[in-house]
Amino acid sequence: MATDFFDSVKYFFDAALGTEAKDLKFWQTMIRAFIIYILGLLIIRLGKKRLFSRNTAFDVILGIIIGSVLSRAVNGNAPFLGTLTAGLLLVMIHWMFAAIALRKHSFGILIKGKPEMIIQNGEVNWDVLKKHDLTESDLIESMHLNASTEDFSQIQLATIERNGTISFIKKDKQPKVVEIEVKEGVQKIRIEI
């Protein structure tokens, strides 16, 4: 009895989804795409929000691989259920690695990288720029966009983050004090600019 049920389900899936890529009909590809979209969305939602932000190479690579794996199920180049299972397995591995990285800092650095200082107290660390294949023009462009300056001396700290973006902390502006004599020997006005 159970065998008949499973044979019926298999027949339904084979008829609705096709089995060989070369034999897929237009409508079967559409059904596959719809099912993969819905199930892929569920699988990705299991990956938690960090997957969507693509914070590090660790997150980006999962997105690329899942897209590649699930696309094979749409066009019939891989077994349908096997492909879905592989996508789910990838998200579970990502979960596991994220959990280990949360508990073991050294593992987190290994799979996610670590931030590095590019500017400290207005001084540029040119070796770090070279290490990350960044030019002075790249740094200045990032300063324009994120710190509204192109003057290194105005930057307290600049860090290339694990995701490759550069973050900036500007120096606190010290007020300029000007003393103005209103009348000689009578009164001085002190102004902070």
Protein backbone atom coordinates (compact mmCIF):
# COMPACT_ATOMS: atom_id res chain seq x y z
CA MET A 1 0.00 0.00 0.00
CA ALA A 2 2.76 2.45 0.99
CA THR A 3 4.68 1.49 -2.14
CA ASP A 4 1.70 2.39 -4.31
CA PHE A 5 1.48 5.80 -2.63
CA PHE A 6 5.17 6.53 -3.19
CA ASP A 7 4.94 5.32 -6.79
CA SER A 8 1.99 7.66 -7.34
CA VAL A 9 3.91 10.59 -5.85
CA LYS A 10 6.94 9.77 -7.99
CA TYR A 11 4.77 9.54 -11.10
CA PHE A 12 3.17 12.91 -10.27
CA PHE A 13 6.57 14.59 -9.74
CA ASP A 14 7.98 13.04 -12.90
CA ALA A 15 4.96 14.21 -14.92
CA ALA A 16 4.87 17.69 -13.38
CA LEU A 17 8.60 18.34 -13.17
CA GLY A 18 10.12 16.08 -15.80
CA THR A 19 13.23 14.02 -15.23
CA GLU A 20 15.76 14.84 -17.95
CA ALA A 21 16.89 18.36 -18.85
CA LYS A 22 16.61 17.65 -22.58
CA ASP A 23 13.00 16.48 -22.19
CA LEU A 24 11.71 19.36 -20.05
CA LYS A 25 8.78 21.21 -21.46
CA PHE A 26 8.33 24.97 -21.08
CA TRP A 27 5.63 24.60 -18.44
CA GLN A 28 7.69 22.05 -16.46
CA THR A 29 10.57 24.53 -16.27
CA MET A 30 8.13 27.17 -15.05
CA ILE A 31 6.80 24.84 -12.34
CA ARG A 32 10.37 23.98 -11.32
CA ALA A 33 11.29 27.67 -11.14
CA PHE A 34 8.25 28.45 -8.99
CA ILE A 35 8.91 25.57 -6.59
CA ILE A 36 12.64 26.39 -6.35
CA TYR A 37 11.82 30.03 -5.70
CA ILE A 38 9.47 29.20 -2.82
CA LEU A 39 11.64 26.47 -1.30
CA GLY A 40 14.84 28.45 -1.95
CA LEU A 41 13.33 31.40 -0.11
CA LEU A 42 12.55 29.13 2.85
CA ILE A 43 16.08 27.71 2.80
CA ILE A 44 17.63 31.19 2.67
CA ARG A 45 15.40 32.37 5.53
CA LEU A 46 16.90 29.57 7.60
CA GLY A 47 20.28 31.21 6.96
CA LYS A 48 19.33 34.15 9.21
CA LYS A 49 19.70 37.81 8.37
CA ARG A 50 23.49 37.89 8.11
CA LEU A 51 23.26 35.99 4.81
CA PHE A 52 21.27 38.84 3.27
CA SER A 53 23.73 41.50 4.39
CA ARG A 54 26.64 39.65 2.83
CA ASN A 55 28.96 40.95 5.51
CA THR A 56 31.99 38.84 4.66
CA ALA A 57 33.31 36.44 2.02
CA PHE A 58 31.95 33.75 4.34
CA ASP A 59 28.42 35.03 3.62
CA VAL A 60 28.93 35.93 -0.04
CA ILE A 61 30.20 32.48 -0.98
CA LEU A 62 27.09 30.83 0.45
CA GLY A 63 24.84 33.06 -1.63
CA ILE A 64 26.80 32.28 -4.81
CA ILE A 65 26.87 28.53 -4.22
CA ILE A 66 23.19 28.28 -3.28
CA GLY A 67 22.24 30.24 -6.38
CA SER A 68 24.33 27.93 -8.53
CA VAL A 69 23.04 24.74 -6.90
CA LEU A 70 19.37 25.72 -7.02
CA SER A 71 19.62 26.88 -10.64
CA ARG A 72 20.58 23.33 -11.61
CA ALA A 73 17.23 22.11 -10.26
CA VAL A 74 15.36 24.68 -12.36
CA ASN A 75 16.98 23.69 -15.64
CA GLY A 76 16.99 19.96 -14.85
CA ASN A 77 20.76 19.43 -14.80
CA ALA A 78 20.62 17.87 -11.32
CA PRO A 79 18.09 15.77 -9.40
CA PHE A 80 15.34 18.03 -8.07
CA LEU A 81 15.11 16.77 -4.48
CA GLY A 82 18.86 16.21 -4.24
CA THR A 83 19.46 19.82 -5.21
CA LEU A 84 17.05 21.11 -2.57
CA THR A 85 18.71 18.91 0.02
CA ALA A 86 22.15 20.21 -0.99
CA GLY A 87 20.93 23.81 -0.59
CA LEU A 88 19.58 23.03 2.87
CA LEU A 89 22.85 21.30 3.81
CA LEU A 90 24.85 24.38 2.73
CA VAL A 91 22.76 26.64 4.97
CA MET A 92 23.21 24.22 7.89
CA ILE A 93 27.00 24.23 7.36
CA HIS A 94 26.89 28.05 7.30
CA TRP A 95 24.93 27.99 10.57
CA MET A 96 27.43 25.63 12.14
CA PHE A 97 30.45 27.72 11.07
CA ALA A 98 28.78 30.91 12.31
CA ALA A 99 28.09 29.26 15.68
CA ILE A 100 31.71 28.09 15.99
CA ALA A 101 32.98 31.55 14.98
CA LEU A 102 30.78 33.07 17.67
CA ARG A 103 32.46 30.94 20.32
CA LYS A 104 36.01 30.71 18.91
CA HIS A 105 37.48 34.06 17.93
CA SER A 106 40.39 32.48 16.01
CA PHE A 107 37.97 30.46 13.86
CA GLY A 108 35.99 33.64 13.18
CA ILE A 109 39.15 35.37 11.97
CA LEU A 110 39.98 32.36 9.80
CA ILE A 111 36.64 32.29 7.96
CA LYS A 112 35.64 35.97 8.13
CA GLY A 113 38.94 37.84 8.26
CA LYS A 114 39.79 40.73 10.56
CA PRO A 115 39.64 44.50 10.30
CA GLU A 116 42.87 46.46 9.82
CA MET A 117 43.71 50.09 10.51
CA ILE A 118 44.54 52.20 7.49
CA ILE A 119 44.76 55.63 9.15
CA GLN A 120 45.53 56.42 12.76
CA ASN A 121 45.77 60.02 13.98
CA GLY A 122 45.96 61.29 10.40
CA GLU A 123 48.87 58.99 9.46
CA VAL A 124 48.25 56.56 6.58
CA ASN A 125 49.57 53.00 6.88
CA TRP A 126 50.65 52.53 3.26
CA ASP A 127 51.60 48.86 3.85
CA VAL A 128 47.99 47.99 4.75
CA LEU A 129 46.77 49.81 1.63
CA LYS A 130 49.21 47.82 -0.53
CA LYS A 131 48.23 44.57 1.18
CA HIS A 132 44.59 45.13 0.17
CA ASP A 133 45.43 46.46 -3.32
CA LEU A 134 44.06 49.91 -2.51
CA THR A 135 45.47 53.06 -4.00
CA GLU A 136 45.61 56.51 -2.46
CA SER A 137 42.85 57.48 -4.91
CA ASP A 138 40.66 54.63 -3.61
CA LEU A 139 41.18 55.83 -0.05
CA ILE A 140 40.43 59.45 -0.94
CA GLU A 141 37.27 58.41 -2.81
CA SER A 142 36.10 56.46 0.22
CA MET A 143 36.90 59.48 2.43
CA HIS A 144 34.78 61.69 0.13
CA LEU A 145 31.85 59.32 0.32
CA ASN A 146 32.00 58.34 3.98
CA ALA A 147 33.82 61.12 5.85
CA SER A 148 33.15 64.21 3.71
CA THR A 149 36.83 65.11 3.58
CA GLU A 150 39.96 64.40 1.60
CA ASP A 151 42.36 65.56 4.30
CA PHE A 152 44.06 62.67 6.08
CA SER A 153 44.85 64.88 9.06
CA GLN A 154 41.11 65.16 9.83
CA ILE A 155 40.80 61.39 10.31
CA GLN A 156 41.32 59.93 13.78
CA LEU A 157 40.88 56.33 12.63
CA ALA A 158 40.14 54.56 9.34
CA THR A 159 39.67 50.82 9.24
CA ILE A 160 39.21 48.40 6.37
CA GLU A 161 36.46 46.19 7.75
CA ARG A 162 36.05 42.45 7.23
CA ASN A 163 33.54 43.05 4.44
CA GLY A 164 35.98 45.29 2.53
CA THR A 165 34.37 48.64 3.30
CA ILE A 166 36.39 51.41 4.89
CA SER A 167 34.99 53.07 8.00
CA PHE A 168 36.15 56.45 9.29
CA ILE A 169 36.15 58.24 12.62
CA LYS A 170 36.93 61.91 12.24
CA LYS A 171 38.94 63.85 14.78
CA ASP A 172 37.01 66.06 17.15
CA LYS A 173 37.30 69.59 15.92
CA GLN A 174 39.00 71.81 18.43
CA PRO A 175 37.44 75.25 18.42
CA LYS A 176 39.65 78.05 17.23
CA VAL A 177 39.84 80.83 19.79
CA VAL A 178 40.26 84.39 18.57
CA GLU A 179 40.71 87.37 20.86
CA ILE A 180 39.63 90.69 19.51
CA GLU A 181 40.44 93.99 21.20
CA VAL A 182 37.42 96.27 20.91
CA LYS A 183 39.15 99.31 22.26
CA GLU A 184 42.79 99.43 23.15
CA GLY A 185 43.33 98.74 26.83
CA VAL A 186 39.62 98.56 27.66
CA GLN A 187 38.06 95.34 26.59
CA LYS A 188 38.91 92.08 24.81
CA ILE A 189 36.32 89.78 23.26
CA ARG A 190 37.10 86.11 23.06
CA ILE A 191 35.37 84.21 20.22
CA GLU A 192 35.44 80.45 19.61
CA ILE A 193 35.08 79.48 15.97
